[in-house]
Amino acid sequence: MNTIWILEDVNLFNLLCPHKFKEYKACHTFDAYKKSDYIYFEEDAANKIYLIENGKVKIGYYNEDGTEVVKAILRKGELFGEKAILGEEKRDEFAQSLDNSTSICPVGVDTMHDLMRDNKTFSLRIYKFIGLKFKKLERRLQLLLFKDSKTRLLEFLDELCSDYGYNCEKTGNQVIKHPYTQKDIASLIGISRPTLNILMNELKADNYLDFDRKEIRLFKHSA
């Protein structure tokens, strides 16, 4: 483990003063989870936020008919449960490990409030992060409610390109090296994995993209 610990990988925490950072490092703990383990359930007390040291975490909820809705799939260096900072008393979502070696550091809400009170710039970054996350979630829920399956996939690919894409100089194509499995992508856009496979192969046949397990390549002429 690095001396500065996992917060080094989280942009929100880059502004912390070293002495505060070392003081916090001395009392932090990590919790280990296996695949399908729940970190918290809906209606659990919201008294912590969580940092992902390793692995992936699914955030979601269940509709009245029992259908699972996936809000986000998060990975190393990301934060979740942040609505506790805003005064949420009970969770309105669940958090579930997707890997067999997921490692999470819980941070008490009181500790986070102390850090925010002592560092106004850090506090503003936290609130900006929460605002951007809510905006992204709202956009994804609009996709699920109002767009057909193919449109959902195309707009999600645009989002992936913004988050993980880079331009390949040799071809001019956009190369997306992303952390998601096909099952993850299907869950995030609210379709079945077989439907995703059909749509991806249709786009491949139309020469819109090519893909394998680790990356997606969007062809320049189709942009």
C-alpha atoms as a PDB file:
ATOM      1  CA  MET A   1       0.000   0.000   0.000  1.00  0.00           C
ATOM      2  CA  ASN A   2       1.298   3.448  -0.892  1.00  0.00           C
ATOM      3  CA  THR A   3       2.183   5.787   1.959  1.00  0.00           C
ATOM      4  CA  ILE A   4      -0.526   8.161   0.797  1.00  0.00           C
ATOM      5  CA  TRP A   5      -2.982   5.254   0.545  1.00  0.00           C
ATOM      6  CA  ILE A   6      -5.855   4.932  -1.912  1.00  0.00           C
ATOM      7  CA  LEU A   7      -7.056   8.529  -1.548  1.00  0.00           C
ATOM      8  CA  GLU A   8      -4.108   9.363  -3.816  1.00  0.00           C
ATOM      9  CA  ASP A   9      -6.157   7.916  -6.673  1.00  0.00           C
ATOM     10  CA  VAL A  10      -9.269   9.965  -5.931  1.00  0.00           C
ATOM     11  CA  ASN A  11      -9.186  13.490  -7.339  1.00  0.00           C
ATOM     12  CA  LEU A  12     -11.547  14.707  -4.628  1.00  0.00           C
ATOM     13  CA  PHE A  13      -8.899  14.135  -2.003  1.00  0.00           C
ATOM     14  CA  ASN A  14      -5.847  15.577  -3.768  1.00  0.00           C
ATOM     15  CA  LEU A  15      -6.289  18.890  -1.937  1.00  0.00           C
ATOM     16  CA  LEU A  16      -5.975  17.433   1.563  1.00  0.00           C
ATOM     17  CA  CYS A  17      -3.049  18.718   3.594  1.00  0.00           C
ATOM     18  CA  PRO A  18      -0.385  16.041   4.317  1.00  0.00           C
ATOM     19  CA  HIS A  19      -0.717  16.186   8.111  1.00  0.00           C
ATOM     20  CA  LYS A  20      -4.466  15.670   7.883  1.00  0.00           C
ATOM     21  CA  PHE A  21      -3.923  12.874   5.434  1.00  0.00           C
ATOM     22  CA  LYS A  22      -1.470  11.006   7.668  1.00  0.00           C
ATOM     23  CA  GLU A  23      -3.724  11.505  10.658  1.00  0.00           C
ATOM     24  CA  TYR A  24      -6.626   9.945   8.782  1.00  0.00           C
ATOM     25  CA  LYS A  25      -4.513   7.122   7.364  1.00  0.00           C
ATOM     26  CA  ALA A  26      -3.624   5.975  10.871  1.00  0.00           C
ATOM     27  CA  CYS A  27      -7.229   5.125  11.711  1.00  0.00           C
ATOM     28  CA  HIS A  28      -8.653   3.872   8.426  1.00  0.00           C
ATOM     29  CA  THR A  29      -9.755   0.284   7.860  1.00  0.00           C
ATOM     30  CA  PHE A  30     -10.617  -1.799   4.817  1.00  0.00           C
ATOM     31  CA  ASP A  31     -13.525  -4.223   4.472  1.00  0.00           C
ATOM     32  CA  ALA A  32     -13.272  -7.213   2.112  1.00  0.00           C
ATOM     33  CA  TYR A  33     -16.198  -8.481   0.028  1.00  0.00           C
ATOM     34  CA  LYS A  34     -16.710 -11.433  -2.300  1.00  0.00           C
ATOM     35  CA  LYS A  35     -18.724 -11.415  -5.519  1.00  0.00           C
ATOM     36  CA  SER A  36     -22.457 -10.804  -4.882  1.00  0.00           C
ATOM     37  CA  ASP A  37     -21.870  -9.665  -1.267  1.00  0.00           C
ATOM     38  CA  TYR A  38     -23.883  -6.592  -0.300  1.00  0.00           C
ATOM     39  CA  ILE A  39     -22.119  -3.595   1.215  1.00  0.00           C
ATOM     40  CA  TYR A  40     -25.472  -2.138   2.226  1.00  0.00           C
ATOM     41  CA  PHE A  41     -29.160  -2.652   1.478  1.00  0.00           C
ATOM     42  CA  GLU A  42     -32.076  -0.312   0.863  1.00  0.00           C
ATOM     43  CA  GLU A  43     -33.356   1.059   4.183  1.00  0.00           C
ATOM     44  CA  ASP A  44     -29.991   0.552   5.941  1.00  0.00           C
ATOM     45  CA  ALA A  45     -28.744   3.449   8.060  1.00  0.00           C
ATOM     46  CA  ALA A  46     -26.797   5.988   5.978  1.00  0.00           C
ATOM     47  CA  ASN A  47     -23.945   6.848   8.331  1.00  0.00           C
ATOM     48  CA  LYS A  48     -20.907   6.211   6.110  1.00  0.00           C
ATOM     49  CA  ILE A  49     -19.539   6.868   2.672  1.00  0.00           C
ATOM     50  CA  TYR A  50     -17.309   4.370   0.912  1.00  0.00           C
ATOM     51  CA  LEU A  51     -14.140   4.410  -1.166  1.00  0.00           C
ATOM     52  CA  ILE A  52     -13.282   1.524  -3.492  1.00  0.00           C
ATOM     53  CA  GLU A  53      -9.700   0.369  -2.964  1.00  0.00           C
ATOM     54  CA  ASN A  54     -10.068  -2.570  -5.325  1.00  0.00           C
ATOM     55  CA  GLY A  55     -12.777  -4.323  -7.343  1.00  0.00           C
ATOM     56  CA  LYS A  56     -16.142  -3.186  -8.725  1.00  0.00           C
ATOM     57  CA  VAL A  57     -19.402  -2.235  -7.001  1.00  0.00           C
ATOM     58  CA  LYS A  58     -22.926  -2.152  -8.415  1.00  0.00           C
ATOM     59  CA  ILE A  59     -25.345   0.524  -7.210  1.00  0.00           C
ATOM     60  CA  GLY A  60     -29.051  -0.054  -7.829  1.00  0.00           C
ATOM     61  CA  TYR A  61     -32.560  -0.460  -6.503  1.00  0.00           C
ATOM     62  CA  TYR A  62     -35.643  -2.622  -7.052  1.00  0.00           C
ATOM     63  CA  ASN A  63     -38.896  -1.464  -8.624  1.00  0.00           C
ATOM     64  CA  GLU A  64     -42.253  -2.306  -7.059  1.00  0.00           C
ATOM     65  CA  ASP A  65     -42.497  -5.373  -9.295  1.00  0.00           C
ATOM     66  CA  GLY A  66     -39.097  -6.593  -8.097  1.00  0.00           C
ATOM     67  CA  THR A  67     -37.187  -5.634 -11.236  1.00  0.00           C
ATOM     68  CA  GLU A  68     -33.609  -4.597 -10.563  1.00  0.00           C
ATOM     69  CA  VAL A  69     -32.544  -1.181 -11.878  1.00  0.00           C
ATOM     70  CA  VAL A  70     -28.774  -0.621 -12.068  1.00  0.00           C
ATOM     71  CA  LYS A  71     -27.823   2.999 -11.460  1.00  0.00           C
ATOM     72  CA  ALA A  72     -24.046   2.708 -11.694  1.00  0.00           C
ATOM     73  CA  ILE A  73     -21.126   0.311 -11.730  1.00  0.00           C
ATOM     74  CA  LEU A  74     -18.142   1.788  -9.933  1.00  0.00           C
ATOM     75  CA  ARG A  75     -14.489   0.777  -9.798  1.00  0.00           C
ATOM     76  CA  LYS A  76     -11.206   1.457  -8.006  1.00  0.00           C
ATOM     77  CA  GLY A  77     -10.818   5.007  -6.734  1.00  0.00           C
ATOM     78  CA  GLU A  78     -14.519   5.881  -6.859  1.00  0.00           C
ATOM     79  CA  LEU A  79     -16.768   6.948  -4.017  1.00  0.00           C
ATOM     80  CA  PHE A  80     -20.357   5.922  -3.235  1.00  0.00           C
ATOM     81  CA  GLY A  81     -22.971   6.345  -0.523  1.00  0.00           C
ATOM     82  CA  GLU A  82     -22.275  10.069  -0.760  1.00  0.00           C
ATOM     83  CA  LYS A  83     -25.891  11.127  -0.147  1.00  0.00           C
ATOM     84  CA  ALA A  84     -25.207  10.498   3.537  1.00  0.00           C
ATOM     85  CA  ILE A  85     -23.152  13.704   3.429  1.00  0.00           C
ATOM     86  CA  LEU A  86     -26.314  15.590   2.446  1.00  0.00           C
ATOM     87  CA  GLY A  87     -28.308  14.268   5.392  1.00  0.00           C
ATOM     88  CA  GLU A  88     -29.788  11.043   4.022  1.00  0.00           C
ATOM     89  CA  GLU A  89     -30.704   8.896   7.022  1.00  0.00           C
ATOM     90  CA  LYS A  90     -31.660   5.656   5.231  1.00  0.00           C
ATOM     91  CA  ARG A  91     -30.363   4.202   1.985  1.00  0.00           C
ATOM     92  CA  ASP A  92     -32.664   4.337  -1.024  1.00  0.00           C
ATOM     93  CA  GLU A  93     -30.405   1.992  -3.005  1.00  0.00           C
ATOM     94  CA  PHE A  94     -28.232  -1.072  -2.536  1.00  0.00           C
ATOM     95  CA  ALA A  95     -24.498  -1.502  -3.083  1.00  0.00           C
ATOM     96  CA  GLN A  96     -23.203  -4.926  -4.124  1.00  0.00           C
ATOM     97  CA  SER A  97     -19.726  -6.272  -4.830  1.00  0.00           C
ATOM     98  CA  LEU A  98     -19.149  -7.580  -8.359  1.00  0.00           C
ATOM     99  CA  ASP A  99     -15.699  -9.078  -7.744  1.00  0.00           C
ATOM    100  CA  ASN A 100     -14.276 -11.739  -5.459  1.00  0.00           C
ATOM    101  CA  SER A 101     -11.595  -9.395  -4.158  1.00  0.00           C
ATOM    102  CA  THR A 102     -13.435  -6.139  -3.600  1.00  0.00           C
ATOM    103  CA  SER A 103     -11.849  -3.950  -0.931  1.00  0.00           C
ATOM    104  CA  ILE A 104     -13.736  -0.980   0.520  1.00  0.00           C
ATOM    105  CA  CYS A 105     -12.765   1.707   2.980  1.00  0.00           C
ATOM    106  CA  PRO A 106     -15.762   3.076   4.925  1.00  0.00           C
ATOM    107  CA  VAL A 107     -15.531   6.682   6.111  1.00  0.00           C
ATOM    108  CA  GLY A 108     -17.878   7.921   8.825  1.00  0.00           C
ATOM    109  CA  VAL A 109     -20.082  10.859   7.879  1.00  0.00           C
ATOM    110  CA  ASP A 110     -18.833  12.807  10.897  1.00  0.00           C
ATOM    111  CA  THR A 111     -15.231  12.320   9.748  1.00  0.00           C
ATOM    112  CA  MET A 112     -16.102  13.541   6.267  1.00  0.00           C
ATOM    113  CA  HIS A 113     -17.932  16.568   7.670  1.00  0.00           C
ATOM    114  CA  ASP A 114     -14.838  17.404   9.741  1.00  0.00           C
ATOM    115  CA  LEU A 115     -12.637  17.238   6.643  1.00  0.00           C
ATOM    116  CA  MET A 116     -15.061  19.403   4.683  1.00  0.00           C
ATOM    117  CA  ARG A 117     -15.369  21.956   7.481  1.00  0.00           C
ATOM    118  CA  ASP A 118     -11.582  22.283   7.759  1.00  0.00           C
ATOM    119  CA  ASN A 119     -10.994  22.628   4.013  1.00  0.00           C
ATOM    120  CA  LYS A 120     -13.432  24.802   2.051  1.00  0.00           C
ATOM    121  CA  THR A 121     -11.861  24.004  -1.313  1.00  0.00           C
ATOM    122  CA  PHE A 122     -12.166  20.310  -0.581  1.00  0.00           C
ATOM    123  CA  SER A 123     -15.782  20.846   0.474  1.00  0.00           C
ATOM    124  CA  LEU A 124     -16.597  22.574  -2.826  1.00  0.00           C
ATOM    125  CA  ARG A 125     -15.033  19.709  -4.747  1.00  0.00           C
ATOM    126  CA  ILE A 126     -17.173  17.225  -2.844  1.00  0.00           C
ATOM    127  CA  TYR A 127     -20.376  19.114  -3.649  1.00  0.00           C
ATOM    128  CA  LYS A 128     -19.334  19.504  -7.289  1.00  0.00           C
ATOM    129  CA  PHE A 129     -18.705  15.757  -7.472  1.00  0.00           C
ATOM    130  CA  ILE A 130     -22.142  15.002  -6.015  1.00  0.00           C
ATOM    131  CA  GLY A 131     -23.817  17.423  -8.433  1.00  0.00           C
ATOM    132  CA  LEU A 132     -22.106  15.903 -11.473  1.00  0.00           C
ATOM    133  CA  LYS A 133     -22.956  12.399 -10.301  1.00  0.00           C
ATOM    134  CA  PHE A 134     -26.637  13.286  -9.888  1.00  0.00           C
ATOM    135  CA  LYS A 135     -26.644  14.876 -13.358  1.00  0.00           C
ATOM    136  CA  LYS A 136     -25.135  11.761 -14.904  1.00  0.00           C
ATOM    137  CA  LEU A 137     -27.640   9.543 -13.106  1.00  0.00           C
ATOM    138  CA  GLU A 138     -30.554  11.694 -14.261  1.00  0.00           C
ATOM    139  CA  ARG A 139     -29.355  11.417 -17.860  1.00  0.00           C
ATOM    140  CA  ARG A 140     -29.100   7.638 -17.591  1.00  0.00           C
ATOM    141  CA  LEU A 141     -32.581   7.301 -16.072  1.00  0.00           C
ATOM    142  CA  GLN A 142     -33.988   9.431 -18.908  1.00  0.00           C
ATOM    143  CA  LEU A 143     -32.415   6.996 -21.348  1.00  0.00           C
ATOM    144  CA  LEU A 144     -34.066   4.053 -19.596  1.00  0.00           C
ATOM    145  CA  LEU A 145     -37.477   5.708 -19.539  1.00  0.00           C
ATOM    146  CA  PHE A 146     -37.721   7.398 -22.923  1.00  0.00           C
ATOM    147  CA  LYS A 147     -35.305   5.821 -25.418  1.00  0.00           C
ATOM    148  CA  ASP A 148     -35.380   2.545 -27.360  1.00  0.00           C
ATOM    149  CA  SER A 149     -32.712  -0.091 -26.819  1.00  0.00           C
ATOM    150  CA  LYS A 150     -30.495   0.905 -29.751  1.00  0.00           C
ATOM    151  CA  THR A 151     -30.579   4.593 -28.845  1.00  0.00           C
ATOM    152  CA  ARG A 152     -29.695   3.723 -25.246  1.00  0.00           C
ATOM    153  CA  LEU A 153     -26.686   1.767 -26.461  1.00  0.00           C
ATOM    154  CA  LEU A 154     -25.496   4.494 -28.856  1.00  0.00           C
ATOM    155  CA  GLU A 155     -25.743   7.199 -26.215  1.00  0.00           C
ATOM    156  CA  PHE A 156     -24.006   4.970 -23.671  1.00  0.00           C
ATOM    157  CA  LEU A 157     -21.184   4.421 -26.180  1.00  0.00           C
ATOM    158  CA  ASP A 158     -20.854   8.211 -26.471  1.00  0.00           C
ATOM    159  CA  GLU A 159     -20.604   8.379 -22.675  1.00  0.00           C
ATOM    160  CA  LEU A 160     -17.964   5.633 -22.651  1.00  0.00           C
ATOM    161  CA  CYS A 161     -16.033   7.474 -25.336  1.00  0.00           C
ATOM    162  CA  SER A 162     -15.998  10.632 -23.209  1.00  0.00           C
ATOM    163  CA  ASP A 163     -14.897   8.756 -20.088  1.00  0.00           C
ATOM    164  CA  TYR A 164     -12.479   6.167 -21.495  1.00  0.00           C
ATOM    165  CA  GLY A 165     -11.858   6.899 -25.175  1.00  0.00           C
ATOM    166  CA  TYR A 166      -8.817   8.150 -26.998  1.00  0.00           C
ATOM    167  CA  ASN A 167      -8.053   8.827 -30.645  1.00  0.00           C
ATOM    168  CA  CYS A 168      -5.936   6.295 -32.518  1.00  0.00           C
ATOM    169  CA  GLU A 169      -3.559   8.375 -34.662  1.00  0.00           C
ATOM    170  CA  LYS A 170      -3.012   5.649 -37.259  1.00  0.00           C
ATOM    171  CA  THR A 171      -6.668   5.229 -38.164  1.00  0.00           C
ATOM    172  CA  GLY A 172      -8.424   8.234 -36.667  1.00  0.00           C
ATOM    173  CA  ASN A 173     -10.849   5.886 -34.921  1.00  0.00           C
ATOM    174  CA  GLN A 174     -11.949   6.290 -31.310  1.00  0.00           C
ATOM    175  CA  VAL A 175     -10.637   3.501 -29.098  1.00  0.00           C
ATOM    176  CA  ILE A 176     -12.505   2.881 -25.841  1.00  0.00           C
ATOM    177  CA  LYS A 177     -10.660   0.848 -23.183  1.00  0.00           C
ATOM    178  CA  HIS A 178     -13.361   0.476 -20.559  1.00  0.00           C
ATOM    179  CA  PRO A 179     -13.736  -1.547 -17.316  1.00  0.00           C
ATOM    180  CA  TYR A 180     -17.177  -3.049 -18.046  1.00  0.00           C
ATOM    181  CA  THR A 181     -18.231  -6.552 -19.009  1.00  0.00           C
ATOM    182  CA  GLN A 182     -21.064  -7.066 -21.482  1.00  0.00           C
ATOM    183  CA  LYS A 183     -23.264  -8.000 -18.537  1.00  0.00           C
ATOM    184  CA  ASP A 184     -22.369  -4.675 -16.875  1.00  0.00           C
ATOM    185  CA  ILE A 185     -23.268  -2.685 -19.994  1.00  0.00           C
ATOM    186  CA  ALA A 186     -26.541  -4.544 -20.459  1.00  0.00           C
ATOM    187  CA  SER A 187     -27.491  -3.848 -16.831  1.00  0.00           C
ATOM    188  CA  LEU A 188     -26.607  -0.169 -17.089  1.00  0.00           C
ATOM    189  CA  ILE A 189     -28.786   0.438 -20.144  1.00  0.00           C
ATOM    190  CA  GLY A 190     -31.635  -1.804 -19.013  1.00  0.00           C
ATOM    191  CA  ILE A 191     -31.541  -4.543 -21.645  1.00  0.00           C
ATOM    192  CA  SER A 192     -30.715  -8.253 -21.615  1.00  0.00           C
ATOM    193  CA  ARG A 193     -27.263  -9.518 -22.473  1.00  0.00           C
ATOM    194  CA  PRO A 194     -28.547 -11.388 -25.584  1.00  0.00           C
ATOM    195  CA  THR A 195     -30.193  -8.149 -26.806  1.00  0.00           C
ATOM    196  CA  LEU A 196     -26.911  -6.300 -26.268  1.00  0.00           C
ATOM    197  CA  ASN A 197     -25.052  -8.932 -28.293  1.00  0.00           C
ATOM    198  CA  ILE A 198     -27.549  -8.582 -31.136  1.00  0.00           C
ATOM    199  CA  LEU A 199     -27.269  -4.779 -31.168  1.00  0.00           C
ATOM    200  CA  MET A 200     -23.467  -4.794 -30.979  1.00  0.00           C
ATOM    201  CA  ASN A 201     -23.231  -7.255 -33.849  1.00  0.00           C
ATOM    202  CA  GLU A 202     -25.687  -5.189 -35.905  1.00  0.00           C
ATOM    203  CA  LEU A 203     -23.511  -2.111 -35.374  1.00  0.00           C
ATOM    204  CA  LYS A 204     -20.456  -4.158 -36.296  1.00  0.00           C
ATOM    205  CA  ALA A 205     -22.149  -5.366 -39.503  1.00  0.00           C
ATOM    206  CA  ASP A 206     -23.032  -1.733 -40.319  1.00  0.00           C
ATOM    207  CA  ASN A 207     -19.307  -0.879 -39.939  1.00  0.00           C
ATOM    208  CA  TYR A 208     -20.114   1.480 -37.074  1.00  0.00           C
ATOM    209  CA  LEU A 209     -17.779  -0.235 -34.608  1.00  0.00           C
ATOM    210  CA  ASP A 210     -15.716  -3.277 -33.783  1.00  0.00           C
ATOM    211  CA  PHE A 211     -15.242  -4.748 -30.334  1.00  0.00           C
ATOM    212  CA  ASP A 212     -13.704  -7.430 -28.185  1.00  0.00           C
ATOM    213  CA  ARG A 213     -13.776  -8.143 -24.447  1.00  0.00           C
ATOM    214  CA  LYS A 214     -11.379  -5.329 -23.553  1.00  0.00           C
ATOM    215  CA  GLU A 215     -12.136  -2.477 -25.941  1.00  0.00           C
ATOM    216  CA  ILE A 216     -14.574  -0.942 -28.416  1.00  0.00           C
ATOM    217  CA  ARG A 217     -13.429   0.847 -31.572  1.00  0.00           C
ATOM    218  CA  LEU A 218     -15.731   3.446 -33.091  1.00  0.00           C
ATOM    219  CA  PHE A 219     -14.963   4.041 -36.763  1.00  0.00           C
ATOM    220  CA  LYS A 220     -14.243   7.575 -37.863  1.00  0.00           C
ATOM    221  CA  HIS A 221     -16.593   7.734 -40.823  1.00  0.00           C
ATOM    222  CA  SER A 222     -19.544   6.764 -38.584  1.00  0.00           C
ATOM    223  CA  ALA A 223     -19.011   9.522 -36.025  1.00  0.00           C
END
